[in-house]
Amino acid sequence: MQPAMFVAIALVAISAAALWAVALVDVFQRADWEFPRRGPDSNDRLFWTFVVVFLSSIGSLWYYLNVMRPFPRHRG
């Protein structure tokens, strides 16, 4: 394998792992009312935890595009 290809694959893998970690931390730190479906019996945290854990990089990207970006977490 050529060094440039190895570096490119390594950067993609590191970026995917970083996005996975950030998404997983966000799922656990986000309050229940900060998820898109804010109902009293909403299982959004459980659903997104399964998506991020079992679908890995694709699930993390899906979580980022559907929850993190449109519904930024309130810090403070």
Protein backbone atom coordinates (compact mmCIF):
# COMPACT_ATOMS: atom_id res chain seq x y z
CA MET A 1 0.00 0.00 0.00
CA GLN A 2 1.28 3.43 -0.87
CA PRO A 3 2.01 5.81 2.02
CA ALA A 4 -0.46 8.43 0.78
CA MET A 5 -3.27 5.89 0.69
CA PHE A 6 -2.37 4.66 4.16
CA VAL A 7 -2.48 8.21 5.53
CA ALA A 8 -5.84 8.87 3.87
CA ILE A 9 -7.37 5.69 5.31
CA ALA A 10 -5.93 6.46 8.73
CA LEU A 11 -7.40 9.98 8.70
CA VAL A 12 -10.83 8.67 7.74
CA ALA A 13 -10.69 6.02 10.47
CA ILE A 14 -9.59 8.51 13.13
CA SER A 15 -12.29 10.99 12.07
CA ALA A 16 -14.96 8.27 12.19
CA ALA A 17 -13.84 7.17 15.66
CA ALA A 18 -13.84 10.76 16.90
CA LEU A 19 -17.36 11.39 15.55
CA TRP A 20 -18.54 8.15 17.17
CA ALA A 21 -17.11 9.17 20.55
CA VAL A 22 -18.54 12.71 20.37
CA ALA A 23 -21.99 11.40 19.37
CA LEU A 24 -22.02 8.83 22.17
CA VAL A 25 -21.03 11.41 24.79
CA ASP A 26 -23.69 13.81 23.45
CA VAL A 27 -26.41 11.15 23.70
CA PHE A 28 -25.61 10.57 27.37
CA GLN A 29 -25.17 14.23 28.33
CA ARG A 30 -28.23 15.57 26.51
CA ALA A 31 -31.33 16.18 28.62
CA ASP A 32 -34.50 14.29 27.64
CA TRP A 33 -36.28 17.48 26.56
CA GLU A 34 -33.45 18.33 24.13
CA PHE A 35 -34.20 15.42 21.78
CA PRO A 36 -36.44 15.99 18.74
CA ARG A 37 -39.51 14.11 20.04
CA ARG A 38 -39.91 15.68 23.47
CA GLY A 39 -42.84 13.60 24.65
CA PRO A 40 -43.19 12.30 28.21
CA ASP A 41 -42.94 8.67 27.08
CA SER A 42 -40.28 9.31 24.46
CA ASN A 43 -37.53 6.73 24.18
CA ASP A 44 -35.27 8.93 22.09
CA ARG A 45 -32.19 8.44 24.28
CA LEU A 46 -32.51 4.66 24.06
CA PHE A 47 -33.16 4.76 20.30
CA TRP A 48 -30.19 7.04 19.55
CA THR A 49 -27.91 5.05 21.87
CA PHE A 50 -28.67 1.91 19.87
CA VAL A 51 -28.22 3.75 16.58
CA VAL A 52 -24.85 5.20 17.57
CA VAL A 53 -23.51 2.02 19.18
CA PHE A 54 -24.66 -0.56 16.65
CA LEU A 55 -24.39 1.43 13.42
CA SER A 56 -21.08 2.98 14.44
CA SER A 57 -19.85 5.57 11.92
CA ILE A 58 -23.01 5.70 9.85
CA GLY A 59 -25.16 5.88 12.97
CA SER A 60 -23.00 8.66 14.37
CA LEU A 61 -23.31 10.64 11.15
CA TRP A 62 -27.07 10.06 11.17
CA TYR A 63 -27.25 11.27 14.80
CA TYR A 64 -25.16 14.34 14.00
CA LEU A 65 -27.36 15.32 11.05
CA ASN A 66 -30.68 14.64 12.80
CA VAL A 67 -30.08 15.67 16.41
CA MET A 68 -26.80 17.46 17.11
CA ARG A 69 -26.94 19.97 14.28
CA PRO A 70 -30.63 20.96 14.28
CA PHE A 71 -31.00 20.77 18.08
CA PRO A 72 -27.81 22.10 19.70
CA ARG A 73 -27.36 21.08 23.32
CA HIS A 74 -27.82 23.81 25.93
CA ARG A 75 -24.73 24.11 28.10
CA GLY A 76 -24.71 25.80 31.38
